[in-house]
C-alpha atoms as a PDB file:
ATOM      1  CA  UNK A   1     -69.514 -13.625 -43.743  1.00  0.00           C
ATOM      2  CA  UNK A   2     -67.417 -15.387 -46.312  1.00  0.00           C
ATOM      3  CA  UNK A   3     -63.726 -15.965 -45.872  1.00  0.00           C
ATOM      4  CA  UNK A   4     -61.165 -14.770 -48.381  1.00  0.00           C
ATOM      5  CA  UNK A   5     -58.440 -17.010 -49.839  1.00  0.00           C
ATOM      6  CA  UNK A   6     -56.113 -16.412 -46.864  1.00  0.00           C
ATOM      7  CA  UNK A   7     -58.765 -17.754 -44.465  1.00  0.00           C
ATOM      8  CA  UNK A   8     -59.500 -14.381 -42.877  1.00  0.00           C
ATOM      9  CA  UNK A   9     -62.848 -12.636 -42.582  1.00  0.00           C
ATOM     10  CA  UNK A  10     -62.836  -9.531 -44.801  1.00  0.00           C
ATOM     11  CA  UNK A  11     -63.047  -6.184 -43.053  1.00  0.00           C
ATOM     12  CA  UNK A  12     -66.487  -4.601 -42.898  1.00  0.00           C
ATOM     13  CA  UNK A  13     -67.079  -0.865 -43.037  1.00  0.00           C
ATOM     14  CA  UNK A  14     -66.981   1.055 -39.779  1.00  0.00           C
ATOM     15  CA  UNK A  15     -70.509   2.460 -39.906  1.00  0.00           C
ATOM     16  CA  UNK A  16     -70.498   3.708 -36.311  1.00  0.00           C
ATOM     17  CA  UNK A  17     -67.404   5.844 -36.854  1.00  0.00           C
ATOM     18  CA  UNK A  18     -68.914   7.352 -39.994  1.00  0.00           C
ATOM     19  CA  UNK A  19     -72.627   7.813 -39.372  1.00  0.00           C
ATOM     20  CA  UNK A  20     -72.696   8.800 -35.693  1.00  0.00           C
ATOM     21  CA  UNK A  21     -70.299  11.757 -36.105  1.00  0.00           C
ATOM     22  CA  UNK A  22     -72.232  12.897 -39.199  1.00  0.00           C
ATOM     23  CA  UNK A  23     -75.519  12.711 -37.263  1.00  0.00           C
ATOM     24  CA  UNK A  24     -73.994  14.697 -34.369  1.00  0.00           C
ATOM     25  CA  UNK A  25     -72.695  17.380 -36.765  1.00  0.00           C
ATOM     26  CA  UNK A  26     -76.087  17.625 -38.508  1.00  0.00           C
ATOM     27  CA  UNK A  27     -78.044  17.940 -35.242  1.00  0.00           C
ATOM     28  CA  UNK A  28     -75.498  20.366 -33.817  1.00  0.00           C
ATOM     29  CA  UNK A  29     -75.538  22.627 -36.877  1.00  0.00           C
ATOM     30  CA  UNK A  30     -79.349  22.502 -37.102  1.00  0.00           C
ATOM     31  CA  UNK A  31     -79.816  23.575 -33.472  1.00  0.00           C
ATOM     32  CA  UNK A  32     -77.213  26.329 -33.812  1.00  0.00           C
ATOM     33  CA  UNK A  33     -78.883  27.626 -36.987  1.00  0.00           C
ATOM     34  CA  UNK A  34     -82.236  27.769 -35.172  1.00  0.00           C
ATOM     35  CA  UNK A  35     -80.683  29.679 -32.257  1.00  0.00           C
ATOM     36  CA  UNK A  36     -78.854  32.106 -34.592  1.00  0.00           C
ATOM     37  CA  UNK A  37     -82.069  32.808 -36.510  1.00  0.00           C
ATOM     38  CA  UNK A  38     -84.470  33.111 -33.578  1.00  0.00           C
ATOM     39  CA  UNK A  39     -82.522  34.325 -30.529  1.00  0.00           C
ATOM     40  CA  UNK A  40     -80.538  37.568 -30.790  1.00  0.00           C
ATOM     41  CA  UNK A  41     -76.929  37.448 -29.595  1.00  0.00           C
ATOM     42  CA  UNK A  42     -76.787  37.682 -25.760  1.00  0.00           C
ATOM     43  CA  UNK A  43     -80.584  37.284 -25.453  1.00  0.00           C
ATOM     44  CA  UNK A  44     -82.236  34.519 -23.406  1.00  0.00           C
ATOM     45  CA  UNK A  45     -85.427  32.532 -23.702  1.00  0.00           C
ATOM     46  CA  UNK A  46     -86.611  30.800 -20.530  1.00  0.00           C
ATOM     47  CA  UNK A  47     -87.145  27.054 -20.967  1.00  0.00           C
ATOM     48  CA  UNK A  48     -87.416  25.782 -17.381  1.00  0.00           C
ATOM     49  CA  UNK A  49     -87.909  28.536 -14.814  1.00  0.00           C
ATOM     50  CA  UNK A  50     -85.030  28.705 -12.352  1.00  0.00           C
ATOM     51  CA  UNK A  51     -83.037  26.012 -14.156  1.00  0.00           C
ATOM     52  CA  UNK A  52     -82.487  26.406 -17.923  1.00  0.00           C
ATOM     53  CA  UNK A  53     -82.555  29.069 -20.625  1.00  0.00           C
ATOM     54  CA  UNK A  54     -81.676  29.179 -24.284  1.00  0.00           C
ATOM     55  CA  UNK A  55     -79.090  31.962 -24.317  1.00  0.00           C
ATOM     56  CA  UNK A  56     -77.304  32.862 -27.560  1.00  0.00           C
ATOM     57  CA  UNK A  57     -73.620  33.370 -26.777  1.00  0.00           C
ATOM     58  CA  UNK A  58     -70.422  33.012 -28.791  1.00  0.00           C
ATOM     59  CA  UNK A  59     -67.244  31.302 -27.633  1.00  0.00           C
ATOM     60  CA  UNK A  60     -64.134  32.381 -29.488  1.00  0.00           C
ATOM     61  CA  UNK A  61     -61.941  30.349 -27.153  1.00  0.00           C
ATOM     62  CA  UNK A  62     -61.566  26.647 -26.462  1.00  0.00           C
ATOM     63  CA  UNK A  63     -63.509  24.319 -24.161  1.00  0.00           C
ATOM     64  CA  UNK A  64     -65.321  25.962 -21.237  1.00  0.00           C
ATOM     65  CA  UNK A  65     -64.427  29.402 -22.618  1.00  0.00           C
ATOM     66  CA  UNK A  66     -60.694  28.819 -22.111  1.00  0.00           C
ATOM     67  CA  UNK A  67     -58.842  31.574 -24.010  1.00  0.00           C
ATOM     68  CA  UNK A  68     -62.168  33.304 -24.757  1.00  0.00           C
ATOM     69  CA  UNK A  69     -60.828  36.611 -23.437  1.00  0.00           C
ATOM     70  CA  UNK A  70     -57.358  36.080 -24.903  1.00  0.00           C
ATOM     71  CA  UNK A  71     -56.697  37.942 -28.108  1.00  0.00           C
ATOM     72  CA  UNK A  72     -53.722  36.929 -30.206  1.00  0.00           C
ATOM     73  CA  UNK A  73     -53.018  36.875 -33.937  1.00  0.00           C
ATOM     74  CA  UNK A  74     -54.684  34.010 -35.806  1.00  0.00           C
ATOM     75  CA  UNK A  75     -56.399  32.719 -32.634  1.00  0.00           C
ATOM     76  CA  UNK A  76     -59.281  31.180 -34.598  1.00  0.00           C
ATOM     77  CA  UNK A  77     -56.867  29.503 -37.025  1.00  0.00           C
ATOM     78  CA  UNK A  78     -54.675  28.114 -34.225  1.00  0.00           C
ATOM     79  CA  UNK A  79     -57.660  26.672 -32.325  1.00  0.00           C
ATOM     80  CA  UNK A  80     -59.155  25.274 -35.557  1.00  0.00           C
ATOM     81  CA  UNK A  81     -55.881  23.579 -36.552  1.00  0.00           C
ATOM     82  CA  UNK A  82     -55.540  22.012 -33.095  1.00  0.00           C
ATOM     83  CA  UNK A  83     -59.166  20.800 -33.280  1.00  0.00           C
ATOM     84  CA  UNK A  84     -58.647  19.353 -36.764  1.00  0.00           C
ATOM     85  CA  UNK A  85     -55.492  17.543 -35.637  1.00  0.00           C
ATOM     86  CA  UNK A  86     -57.401  16.109 -32.657  1.00  0.00           C
ATOM     87  CA  UNK A  87     -60.257  14.920 -34.893  1.00  0.00           C
ATOM     88  CA  UNK A  88     -57.810  13.208 -37.242  1.00  0.00           C
ATOM     89  CA  UNK A  89     -55.937  11.567 -34.364  1.00  0.00           C
ATOM     90  CA  UNK A  90     -59.157  10.328 -32.737  1.00  0.00           C
ATOM     91  CA  UNK A  91     -60.396   9.041 -36.105  1.00  0.00           C
ATOM     92  CA  UNK A  92     -57.195   7.119 -36.787  1.00  0.00           C
ATOM     93  CA  UNK A  93     -57.214   5.686 -33.271  1.00  0.00           C
ATOM     94  CA  UNK A  94     -60.896   4.665 -33.547  1.00  0.00           C
ATOM     95  CA  UNK A  95     -60.300   3.036 -36.941  1.00  0.00           C
ATOM     96  CA  UNK A  96     -57.563   0.906 -35.408  1.00  0.00           C
ATOM     97  CA  UNK A  97     -59.740  -0.461 -32.623  1.00  0.00           C
ATOM     98  CA  UNK A  98     -61.119  -3.978 -33.014  1.00  0.00           C
ATOM     99  CA  UNK A  99     -64.847  -4.206 -33.747  1.00  0.00           C
ATOM    100  CA  UNK A 100     -65.550  -5.769 -30.352  1.00  0.00           C
ATOM    101  CA  UNK A 101     -64.358  -2.581 -28.619  1.00  0.00           C
ATOM    102  CA  UNK A 102     -67.726  -1.055 -29.404  1.00  0.00           C
ATOM    103  CA  UNK A 103     -67.905   1.057 -26.208  1.00  0.00           C
ATOM    104  CA  UNK A 104     -64.625   2.832 -26.960  1.00  0.00           C
ATOM    105  CA  UNK A 105     -65.639   3.236 -30.611  1.00  0.00           C
ATOM    106  CA  UNK A 106     -68.963   4.757 -29.503  1.00  0.00           C
ATOM    107  CA  UNK A 107     -67.229   7.246 -27.192  1.00  0.00           C
ATOM    108  CA  UNK A 108     -64.676   8.209 -29.821  1.00  0.00           C
ATOM    109  CA  UNK A 109     -67.401   8.627 -32.456  1.00  0.00           C
ATOM    110  CA  UNK A 110     -69.284  11.039 -30.185  1.00  0.00           C
ATOM    111  CA  UNK A 111     -66.073  12.989 -29.541  1.00  0.00           C
ATOM    112  CA  UNK A 112     -65.292  13.206 -33.268  1.00  0.00           C
ATOM    113  CA  UNK A 113     -68.811  14.414 -34.111  1.00  0.00           C
ATOM    114  CA  UNK A 114     -68.794  17.041 -31.381  1.00  0.00           C
ATOM    115  CA  UNK A 115     -65.342  18.307 -32.267  1.00  0.00           C
ATOM    116  CA  UNK A 116     -66.293  18.488 -35.948  1.00  0.00           C
ATOM    117  CA  UNK A 117     -69.502  20.404 -35.161  1.00  0.00           C
ATOM    118  CA  UNK A 118     -67.616  23.042 -33.192  1.00  0.00           C
ATOM    119  CA  UNK A 119     -64.837  23.137 -35.788  1.00  0.00           C
ATOM    120  CA  UNK A 120     -67.387  24.008 -38.481  1.00  0.00           C
ATOM    121  CA  UNK A 121     -68.521  26.994 -36.406  1.00  0.00           C
ATOM    122  CA  UNK A 122     -64.948  28.210 -35.966  1.00  0.00           C
ATOM    123  CA  UNK A 123     -64.239  27.940 -39.699  1.00  0.00           C
ATOM    124  CA  UNK A 124     -67.546  29.429 -40.894  1.00  0.00           C
ATOM    125  CA  UNK A 125     -68.310  32.171 -38.328  1.00  0.00           C
ATOM    126  CA  UNK A 126     -65.070  32.478 -36.330  1.00  0.00           C
ATOM    127  CA  UNK A 127     -66.548  31.358 -33.003  1.00  0.00           C
ATOM    128  CA  UNK A 128     -68.699  28.593 -31.550  1.00  0.00           C
ATOM    129  CA  UNK A 129     -72.407  29.175 -30.915  1.00  0.00           C
ATOM    130  CA  UNK A 130     -73.357  28.065 -27.402  1.00  0.00           C
ATOM    131  CA  UNK A 131     -76.918  28.271 -26.164  1.00  0.00           C
ATOM    132  CA  UNK A 132     -77.875  25.800 -23.423  1.00  0.00           C
ATOM    133  CA  UNK A 133     -77.675  27.820 -20.202  1.00  0.00           C
ATOM    134  CA  UNK A 134     -78.196  25.639 -17.114  1.00  0.00           C
ATOM    135  CA  UNK A 135     -78.219  27.413 -13.761  1.00  0.00           C
ATOM    136  CA  UNK A 136     -79.211  27.188 -10.114  1.00  0.00           C
ATOM    137  CA  UNK A 137     -80.046  30.516  -8.510  1.00  0.00           C
ATOM    138  CA  UNK A 138     -77.289  32.895  -9.570  1.00  0.00           C
ATOM    139  CA  UNK A 139     -74.816  30.105 -10.387  1.00  0.00           C
ATOM    140  CA  UNK A 140     -74.585  29.410 -14.109  1.00  0.00           C
ATOM    141  CA  UNK A 141     -72.742  26.500 -15.703  1.00  0.00           C
ATOM    142  CA  UNK A 142     -70.847  27.303 -18.914  1.00  0.00           C
ATOM    143  CA  UNK A 143     -73.229  27.644 -21.842  1.00  0.00           C
ATOM    144  CA  UNK A 144     -72.913  24.664 -24.161  1.00  0.00           C
ATOM    145  CA  UNK A 145     -74.368  23.101 -27.312  1.00  0.00           C
ATOM    146  CA  UNK A 146     -75.101  19.698 -28.878  1.00  0.00           C
ATOM    147  CA  UNK A 147     -71.458  19.259 -29.943  1.00  0.00           C
ATOM    148  CA  UNK A 148     -70.215  19.961 -26.411  1.00  0.00           C
ATOM    149  CA  UNK A 149     -72.739  17.461 -25.052  1.00  0.00           C
ATOM    150  CA  UNK A 150     -71.556  14.784 -27.497  1.00  0.00           C
ATOM    151  CA  UNK A 151     -67.934  15.391 -26.485  1.00  0.00           C
ATOM    152  CA  UNK A 152     -68.798  15.210 -22.766  1.00  0.00           C
ATOM    153  CA  UNK A 153     -70.831  12.015 -23.145  1.00  0.00           C
ATOM    154  CA  UNK A 154     -68.096  10.534 -25.356  1.00  0.00           C
ATOM    155  CA  UNK A 155     -65.433  11.290 -22.728  1.00  0.00           C
ATOM    156  CA  UNK A 156     -67.635   9.760 -19.999  1.00  0.00           C
ATOM    157  CA  UNK A 157     -68.072   6.612 -22.123  1.00  0.00           C
ATOM    158  CA  UNK A 158     -64.308   6.430 -22.686  1.00  0.00           C
ATOM    159  CA  UNK A 159     -63.711   6.687 -18.927  1.00  0.00           C
ATOM    160  CA  UNK A 160     -66.219   3.877 -18.308  1.00  0.00           C
ATOM    161  CA  UNK A 161     -64.472   1.811 -20.969  1.00  0.00           C
ATOM    162  CA  UNK A 162     -61.065   2.424 -19.360  1.00  0.00           C
ATOM    163  CA  UNK A 163     -62.494   1.429 -15.974  1.00  0.00           C
ATOM    164  CA  UNK A 164     -63.411  -1.899 -17.511  1.00  0.00           C
ATOM    165  CA  UNK A 165     -67.195  -1.688 -17.841  1.00  0.00           C
ATOM    166  CA  UNK A 166     -66.913  -3.525 -21.158  1.00  0.00           C
ATOM    167  CA  UNK A 167     -64.690  -6.237 -19.669  1.00  0.00           C
ATOM    168  CA  UNK A 168     -67.083  -6.889 -16.797  1.00  0.00           C
ATOM    169  CA  UNK A 169     -70.074  -7.174 -19.102  1.00  0.00           C
ATOM    170  CA  UNK A 170     -68.371  -9.568 -21.507  1.00  0.00           C
ATOM    171  CA  UNK A 171     -66.820 -11.826 -18.854  1.00  0.00           C
ATOM    172  CA  UNK A 172     -70.083 -12.839 -17.210  1.00  0.00           C
ATOM    173  CA  UNK A 173     -70.481 -16.038 -19.253  1.00  0.00           C
END
């Protein structure tokens, strides 16, 4: 890289924070469109017997179905505004991280993409399409989607980063 007149290396675009969230949103919306078109609401298609189904459900609440049963005026708008504010905050925070904090930037990019994917559902259809139904016997985990998976993996990466996984790897020299 060339240096500018002040002797500093010019900033390069943050490709990770742009392209990864867009890829997550695209994959999330594609899988949800397939489920909406091929699996009737509340129907299930067995994928792995005794372990996983594709089950078309809608979540009008927040994460893990929180507030799903609650009914209050402008619920979808309130949840969407909170999600949009969170996406903006995470984006601003990620943009301020140094380039060498790649693990945190990766986690935040996954979180932004997942939150944006679910936000699109809320804005377009008023609820989030969930479809991955993992279970053991009669015990079912909450149904989830690609966006939820990206958020969960992003949070796990952020926790690893906070625990110093990055610091340990870079201090071995």
